[in-house]
PDB file of N, CA and C in Angstrom:
ATOM      1  N   MET A   1     -28.121  50.620  33.544  1.00  0.00           N
ATOM      2  CA  MET A   1     -29.532  51.071  34.074  1.00  0.00           C
ATOM      3  C   MET A   1     -30.338  49.513  34.468  1.00  0.00           C
ATOM      4  N   LYS A   2     -30.834  49.469  35.665  1.00  0.00           N
ATOM      5  CA  LYS A   2     -31.580  48.308  35.987  1.00  0.00           C
ATOM      6  C   LYS A   2     -32.965  48.296  35.328  1.00  0.00           C
ATOM      7  N   LYS A   3     -33.460  47.028  34.859  1.00  0.00           N
ATOM      8  CA  LYS A   3     -34.655  47.034  34.331  1.00  0.00           C
ATOM      9  C   LYS A   3     -35.712  46.600  35.351  1.00  0.00           C
ATOM     10  N   ILE A   4     -36.742  47.158  35.699  1.00  0.00           N
ATOM     11  CA  ILE A   4     -37.778  47.031  36.561  1.00  0.00           C
ATOM     12  C   ILE A   4     -38.718  45.808  36.140  1.00  0.00           C
ATOM     13  N   ASN A   5     -38.633  44.809  36.928  1.00  0.00           N
ATOM     14  CA  ASN A   5     -39.518  43.660  36.461  1.00  0.00           C
ATOM     15  C   ASN A   5     -40.532  43.262  37.622  1.00  0.00           C
ATOM     16  N   LYS A   6     -40.716  44.192  38.582  1.00  0.00           N
ATOM     17  CA  LYS A   6     -41.828  43.956  39.595  1.00  0.00           C
ATOM     18  C   LYS A   6     -42.383  45.195  40.082  1.00  0.00           C
ATOM     19  N   VAL A   7     -43.455  45.234  40.313  1.00  0.00           N
ATOM     20  CA  VAL A   7     -44.302  46.562  40.627  1.00  0.00           C
ATOM     21  C   VAL A   7     -45.098  46.202  42.111  1.00  0.00           C
ATOM     22  N   LYS A   8     -44.649  47.202  43.099  1.00  0.00           N
ATOM     23  CA  LYS A   8     -45.362  46.841  44.389  1.00  0.00           C
ATOM     24  C   LYS A   8     -46.335  47.747  44.716  1.00  0.00           C
ATOM     25  N   ILE A   9     -47.618  47.149  44.842  1.00  0.00           N
ATOM     26  CA  ILE A   9     -48.846  48.182  45.224  1.00  0.00           C
ATOM     27  C   ILE A   9     -49.392  47.605  46.456  1.00  0.00           C
ATOM     28  N   ARG A  10     -50.559  48.309  47.022  1.00  0.00           N
ATOM     29  CA  ARG A  10     -51.175  47.930  47.911  1.00  0.00           C
ATOM     30  C   ARG A  10     -52.637  47.604  47.671  1.00  0.00           C
ATOM     31  N   ILE A  11     -53.349  46.711  48.047  1.00  0.00           N
ATOM     32  CA  ILE A  11     -54.815  46.347  47.607  1.00  0.00           C
ATOM     33  C   ILE A  11     -55.255  46.172  49.029  1.00  0.00           C
ATOM     34  N   ASN A  12     -56.335  47.083  49.320  1.00  0.00           N
ATOM     35  CA  ASN A  12     -57.169  46.866  50.589  1.00  0.00           C
ATOM     36  C   ASN A  12     -56.088  46.778  51.578  1.00  0.00           C
ATOM     37  N   GLY A  13     -55.162  47.469  51.582  1.00  0.00           N
ATOM     38  CA  GLY A  13     -54.075  47.425  52.819  1.00  0.00           C
ATOM     39  C   GLY A  13     -52.909  46.466  52.712  1.00  0.00           C
ATOM     40  N   LYS A  14     -53.226  45.361  51.840  1.00  0.00           N
ATOM     41  CA  LYS A  14     -52.187  44.458  51.880  1.00  0.00           C
ATOM     42  C   LYS A  14     -51.131  44.555  50.667  1.00  0.00           C
ATOM     43  N   LYS A  15     -49.981  44.308  50.869  1.00  0.00           N
ATOM     44  CA  LYS A  15     -48.799  44.485  49.891  1.00  0.00           C
ATOM     45  C   LYS A  15     -49.102  43.265  48.825  1.00  0.00           C
ATOM     46  N   LEU A  16     -48.797  43.710  47.558  1.00  0.00           N
ATOM     47  CA  LEU A  16     -48.896  42.836  46.332  1.00  0.00           C
ATOM     48  C   LEU A  16     -47.809  43.120  45.499  1.00  0.00           C
ATOM     49  N   VAL A  17     -47.123  42.135  44.806  1.00  0.00           N
ATOM     50  CA  VAL A  17     -46.110  42.450  43.794  1.00  0.00           C
ATOM     51  C   VAL A  17     -46.960  41.988  42.476  1.00  0.00           C
ATOM     52  N   ILE A  18     -46.908  42.823  41.430  1.00  0.00           N
ATOM     53  CA  ILE A  18     -47.486  42.566  40.054  1.00  0.00           C
ATOM     54  C   ILE A  18     -46.595  42.696  38.982  1.00  0.00           C
ATOM     55  N   LYS A  19     -46.995  42.286  37.862  1.00  0.00           N
ATOM     56  CA  LYS A  19     -46.193  42.347  36.635  1.00  0.00           C
ATOM     57  C   LYS A  19     -46.115  43.974  36.398  1.00  0.00           C
ATOM     58  N   PRO A  20     -45.074  44.399  35.640  1.00  0.00           N
ATOM     59  CA  PRO A  20     -45.166  45.699  35.138  1.00  0.00           C
ATOM     60  C   PRO A  20     -46.144  45.842  33.843  1.00  0.00           C
ATOM     61  N   LYS A  21     -46.667  47.238  33.880  1.00  0.00           N
ATOM     62  CA  LYS A  21     -47.539  47.576  32.807  1.00  0.00           C
ATOM     63  C   LYS A  21     -48.844  46.797  32.974  1.00  0.00           C
ATOM     64  N   MET A  22     -49.225  46.396  34.282  1.00  0.00           N
ATOM     65  CA  MET A  22     -50.584  45.759  34.414  1.00  0.00           C
ATOM     66  C   MET A  22     -51.606  46.873  34.625  1.00  0.00           C
ATOM     67  N   SER A  23     -52.723  46.704  33.887  1.00  0.00           N
ATOM     68  CA  SER A  23     -53.786  47.505  34.161  1.00  0.00           C
ATOM     69  C   SER A  23     -54.689  47.229  35.458  1.00  0.00           C
ATOM     70  N   LEU A  24     -55.529  48.385  35.809  1.00  0.00           N
ATOM     71  CA  LEU A  24     -56.339  48.057  36.800  1.00  0.00           C
ATOM     72  C   LEU A  24     -57.197  47.040  36.496  1.00  0.00           C
ATOM     73  N   LYS A  25     -57.596  47.003  35.163  1.00  0.00           N
ATOM     74  CA  LYS A  25     -58.676  46.035  34.818  1.00  0.00           C
ATOM     75  C   LYS A  25     -58.105  44.643  34.809  1.00  0.00           C
ATOM     76  N   ASP A  26     -56.762  44.450  34.570  1.00  0.00           N
ATOM     77  CA  ASP A  26     -56.070  43.093  34.619  1.00  0.00           C
ATOM     78  C   ASP A  26     -56.132  42.753  36.194  1.00  0.00           C
ATOM     79  N   LEU A  27     -55.789  43.512  37.086  1.00  0.00           N
ATOM     80  CA  LEU A  27     -55.795  43.231  38.401  1.00  0.00           C
ATOM     81  C   LEU A  27     -56.935  42.880  38.990  1.00  0.00           C
ATOM     82  N   VAL A  28     -58.254  43.574  38.594  1.00  0.00           N
ATOM     83  CA  VAL A  28     -59.538  43.058  38.914  1.00  0.00           C
ATOM     84  C   VAL A  28     -59.818  41.764  38.417  1.00  0.00           C
ATOM     85  N   VAL A  29     -59.544  41.558  37.313  1.00  0.00           N
ATOM     86  CA  VAL A  29     -59.975  40.309  36.697  1.00  0.00           C
ATOM     87  C   VAL A  29     -58.858  39.137  37.535  1.00  0.00           C
ATOM     88  N   ASN A  30     -57.837  39.477  37.657  1.00  0.00           N
ATOM     89  CA  ASN A  30     -56.917  38.606  38.234  1.00  0.00           C
ATOM     90  C   ASN A  30     -57.288  38.188  39.700  1.00  0.00           C
ATOM     91  N   GLN A  31     -57.735  39.059  40.341  1.00  0.00           N
ATOM     92  CA  GLN A  31     -58.448  39.000  41.729  1.00  0.00           C
ATOM     93  C   GLN A  31     -59.736  38.204  41.792  1.00  0.00           C
ATOM     94  N   LYS A  32     -60.502  38.087  40.617  1.00  0.00           N
ATOM     95  CA  LYS A  32     -61.794  37.601  40.562  1.00  0.00           C
ATOM     96  C   LYS A  32     -62.763  38.413  41.519  1.00  0.00           C
ATOM     97  N   VAL A  33     -62.713  39.760  41.125  1.00  0.00           N
ATOM     98  CA  VAL A  33     -63.648  40.827  41.675  1.00  0.00           C
ATOM     99  C   VAL A  33     -64.929  40.936  40.942  1.00  0.00           C
ATOM    100  N   PRO A  34     -66.033  40.798  41.332  1.00  0.00           N
ATOM    101  CA  PRO A  34     -67.468  40.841  40.696  1.00  0.00           C
ATOM    102  C   PRO A  34     -67.643  42.559  40.466  1.00  0.00           C
ATOM    103  N   LEU A  35     -67.120  43.099  39.297  1.00  0.00           N
ATOM    104  CA  LEU A  35     -67.313  44.356  38.843  1.00  0.00           C
ATOM    105  C   LEU A  35     -68.667  45.101  39.205  1.00  0.00           C
ATOM    106  N   LYS A  36     -69.740  44.372  39.134  1.00  0.00           N
ATOM    107  CA  LYS A  36     -70.951  44.886  39.205  1.00  0.00           C
ATOM    108  C   LYS A  36     -71.262  45.216  40.752  1.00  0.00           C
ATOM    109  N   LYS A  37     -70.501  44.633  41.686  1.00  0.00           N
ATOM    110  CA  LYS A  37     -70.952  44.646  43.188  1.00  0.00           C
ATOM    111  C   LYS A  37     -69.860  45.360  43.864  1.00  0.00           C
ATOM    112  N   VAL A  38     -68.937  46.077  43.165  1.00  0.00           N
ATOM    113  CA  VAL A  38     -67.874  46.879  43.906  1.00  0.00           C
ATOM    114  C   VAL A  38     -67.666  48.213  43.656  1.00  0.00           C
ATOM    115  N   ALA A  39     -67.061  49.019  44.358  1.00  0.00           N
ATOM    116  CA  ALA A  39     -66.622  50.248  44.031  1.00  0.00           C
ATOM    117  C   ALA A  39     -65.033  50.319  44.047  1.00  0.00           C
ATOM    118  N   ILE A  40     -64.210  50.950  43.101  1.00  0.00           N
ATOM    119  CA  ILE A  40     -62.898  50.885  43.151  1.00  0.00           C
ATOM    120  C   ILE A  40     -62.235  52.141  43.154  1.00  0.00           C
ATOM    121  N   GLU A  41     -61.178  52.285  44.174  1.00  0.00           N
ATOM    122  CA  GLU A  41     -60.673  53.494  44.284  1.00  0.00           C
ATOM    123  C   GLU A  41     -59.006  53.458  44.128  1.00  0.00           C
ATOM    124  N   HIS A  42     -58.484  54.134  43.200  1.00  0.00           N
ATOM    125  CA  HIS A  42     -57.125  54.115  42.939  1.00  0.00           C
ATOM    126  C   HIS A  42     -56.331  55.600  43.379  1.00  0.00           C
ATOM    127  N   ASN A  43     -55.411  55.224  44.307  1.00  0.00           N
ATOM    128  CA  ASN A  43     -54.851  56.509  45.059  1.00  0.00           C
ATOM    129  C   ASN A  43     -55.743  57.613  45.489  1.00  0.00           C
ATOM    130  N   LYS A  44     -56.734  56.951  46.198  1.00  0.00           N
ATOM    131  CA  LYS A  44     -57.905  57.896  47.008  1.00  0.00           C
ATOM    132  C   LYS A  44     -58.716  58.528  45.850  1.00  0.00           C
ATOM    133  N   LYS A  45     -58.760  58.135  44.683  1.00  0.00           N
ATOM    134  CA  LYS A  45     -59.851  58.588  43.938  1.00  0.00           C
ATOM    135  C   LYS A  45     -60.587  57.581  43.337  1.00  0.00           C
ATOM    136  N   ILE A  46     -62.072  57.668  43.309  1.00  0.00           N
ATOM    137  CA  ILE A  46     -62.842  56.719  42.702  1.00  0.00           C
ATOM    138  C   ILE A  46     -62.792  56.417  41.231  1.00  0.00           C
ATOM    139  N   VAL A  47     -62.775  55.555  40.868  1.00  0.00           N
ATOM    140  CA  VAL A  47     -62.498  55.027  39.289  1.00  0.00           C
ATOM    141  C   VAL A  47     -63.817  54.800  38.621  1.00  0.00           C
ATOM    142  N   ASN A  48     -63.947  55.331  37.425  1.00  0.00           N
ATOM    143  CA  ASN A  48     -65.061  55.039  36.656  1.00  0.00           C
ATOM    144  C   ASN A  48     -64.708  53.626  35.986  1.00  0.00           C
ATOM    145  N   LYS A  49     -65.641  52.681  36.147  1.00  0.00           N
ATOM    146  CA  LYS A  49     -65.208  51.296  35.591  1.00  0.00           C
ATOM    147  C   LYS A  49     -64.971  51.225  34.102  1.00  0.00           C
ATOM    148  N   LYS A  50     -65.361  52.137  33.511  1.00  0.00           N
ATOM    149  CA  LYS A  50     -65.288  52.351  32.092  1.00  0.00           C
ATOM    150  C   LYS A  50     -63.828  52.535  31.661  1.00  0.00           C
ATOM    151  N   ASN A  51     -62.961  53.091  32.687  1.00  0.00           N
ATOM    152  CA  ASN A  51     -61.564  53.567  32.507  1.00  0.00           C
ATOM    153  C   ASN A  51     -60.628  52.441  33.112  1.00  0.00           C
ATOM    154  N   LEU A  52     -60.990  51.452  33.499  1.00  0.00           N
ATOM    155  CA  LEU A  52     -60.110  50.442  34.230  1.00  0.00           C
ATOM    156  C   LEU A  52     -58.894  50.087  33.300  1.00  0.00           C
ATOM    157  N   GLN A  53     -59.111  49.948  32.064  1.00  0.00           N
ATOM    158  CA  GLN A  53     -57.994  49.414  31.101  1.00  0.00           C
ATOM    159  C   GLN A  53     -57.028  50.519  30.807  1.00  0.00           C
ATOM    160  N   ARG A  54     -57.471  51.748  31.033  1.00  0.00           N
ATOM    161  CA  ARG A  54     -56.662  52.860  30.816  1.00  0.00           C
ATOM    162  C   ARG A  54     -55.578  53.017  31.969  1.00  0.00           C
ATOM    163  N   ILE A  55     -55.847  52.779  33.174  1.00  0.00           N
ATOM    164  CA  ILE A  55     -54.924  52.896  34.224  1.00  0.00           C
ATOM    165  C   ILE A  55     -54.084  51.793  34.320  1.00  0.00           C
ATOM    166  N   ILE A  56     -52.722  52.048  34.216  1.00  0.00           N
ATOM    167  CA  ILE A  56     -51.420  51.241  34.329  1.00  0.00           C
ATOM    168  C   ILE A  56     -50.952  51.507  35.738  1.00  0.00           C
ATOM    169  N   LEU A  57     -50.754  50.327  36.462  1.00  0.00           N
ATOM    170  CA  LEU A  57     -50.360  50.332  37.891  1.00  0.00           C
ATOM    171  C   LEU A  57     -49.009  50.719  37.722  1.00  0.00           C
ATOM    172  N   LYS A  58     -48.577  51.383  38.970  1.00  0.00           N
ATOM    173  CA  LYS A  58     -47.146  51.773  39.256  1.00  0.00           C
ATOM    174  C   LYS A  58     -46.806  51.608  40.487  1.00  0.00           C
ATOM    175  N   ASN A  59     -45.405  51.602  40.924  1.00  0.00           N
ATOM    176  CA  ASN A  59     -44.969  51.402  42.380  1.00  0.00           C
ATOM    177  C   ASN A  59     -45.761  52.296  43.124  1.00  0.00           C
ATOM    178  N   SER A  60     -46.080  51.738  44.347  1.00  0.00           N
ATOM    179  CA  SER A  60     -46.726  52.505  45.548  1.00  0.00           C
ATOM    180  C   SER A  60     -47.991  52.890  45.319  1.00  0.00           C
ATOM    181  N   ASP A  61     -48.764  52.421  44.148  1.00  0.00           N
ATOM    182  CA  ASP A  61     -50.199  52.732  43.878  1.00  0.00           C
ATOM    183  C   ASP A  61     -50.988  52.155  45.084  1.00  0.00           C
ATOM    184  N   GLN A  62     -52.069  52.663  45.444  1.00  0.00           N
ATOM    185  CA  GLN A  62     -52.954  52.215  46.481  1.00  0.00           C
ATOM    186  C   GLN A  62     -54.381  51.927  46.065  1.00  0.00           C
ATOM    187  N   ILE A  63     -54.850  50.669  45.919  1.00  0.00           N
ATOM    188  CA  ILE A  63     -56.111  50.287  45.346  1.00  0.00           C
ATOM    189  C   ILE A  63     -57.009  50.078  46.475  1.00  0.00           C
ATOM    190  N   GLU A  64     -58.196  50.251  46.620  1.00  0.00           N
ATOM    191  CA  GLU A  64     -59.304  49.935  47.489  1.00  0.00           C
ATOM    192  C   GLU A  64     -60.367  49.471  46.847  1.00  0.00           C
ATOM    193  N   ILE A  65     -60.925  48.300  47.125  1.00  0.00           N
ATOM    194  CA  ILE A  65     -62.065  47.597  46.463  1.00  0.00           C
ATOM    195  C   ILE A  65     -63.118  47.390  47.762  1.00  0.00           C
ATOM    196  N   VAL A  66     -64.147  48.089  47.391  1.00  0.00           N
ATOM    197  CA  VAL A  66     -65.168  48.009  48.381  1.00  0.00           C
ATOM    198  C   VAL A  66     -66.494  47.183  47.946  1.00  0.00           C
ATOM    199  N   HIS A  67     -66.772  46.126  48.527  1.00  0.00           N
ATOM    200  CA  HIS A  67     -67.991  45.396  48.023  1.00  0.00           C
ATOM    201  C   HIS A  67     -69.312  46.061  48.531  1.00  0.00           C
ATOM    202  N   PHE A  68     -70.277  46.000  47.845  1.00  0.00           N
ATOM    203  CA  PHE A  68     -71.543  46.460  48.230  1.00  0.00           C
ATOM    204  C   PHE A  68     -72.367  45.201  48.950  1.00  0.00           C
ATOM    205  N   ILE A  69     -72.918  45.407  50.160  1.00  0.00           N
ATOM    206  CA  ILE A  69     -73.645  44.428  50.623  1.00  0.00           C
ATOM    207  C   ILE A  69     -75.066  44.978  51.247  1.00  0.00           C
ATOM    208  N   GLY A  70     -76.065  44.167  50.727  1.00  0.00           N
ATOM    209  CA  GLY A  70     -77.456  44.504  51.005  1.00  0.00           C
ATOM    210  C   GLY A  70     -77.877  44.166  52.539  1.00  0.00           C
ATOM    211  N   GLY A  71     -78.726  45.014  53.052  1.00  0.00           N
ATOM    212  CA  GLY A  71     -79.255  44.504  54.443  1.00  0.00           C
ATOM    213  C   GLY A  71     -80.540  45.441  54.593  1.00  0.00           C
ATOM    214  N   GLY A  72     -80.779  45.430  55.885  1.00  0.00           N
ATOM    215  CA  GLY A  72     -82.006  46.137  56.370  1.00  0.00           C
ATOM    216  C   GLY A  72     -82.477  46.208  57.836  1.00  0.00           C
TER     217      GLY A  72
END
C-alpha cells in the first residue's frame, strides 16, 4: 500500500500541494491571510472561523478566500 505524502487542493482557483493532515487554519496562517478581513469557503460552504482547526484538508478540496474591501 502506498503512503500518501502530498495533498492537492485548489485555493482561489490555483492548484496547491500541501502536507497531509493540514488543517484549514494551518493553511490560512501559512498563506498569511488576515482572518478579520476575509470570508472562507470550503467545498462551496461558508466556514465559521471558529471551526478552522477542525477542518482537515483532503485531496481535491476547494478553498475560496474572499477579502472584504471598503468603498463608497
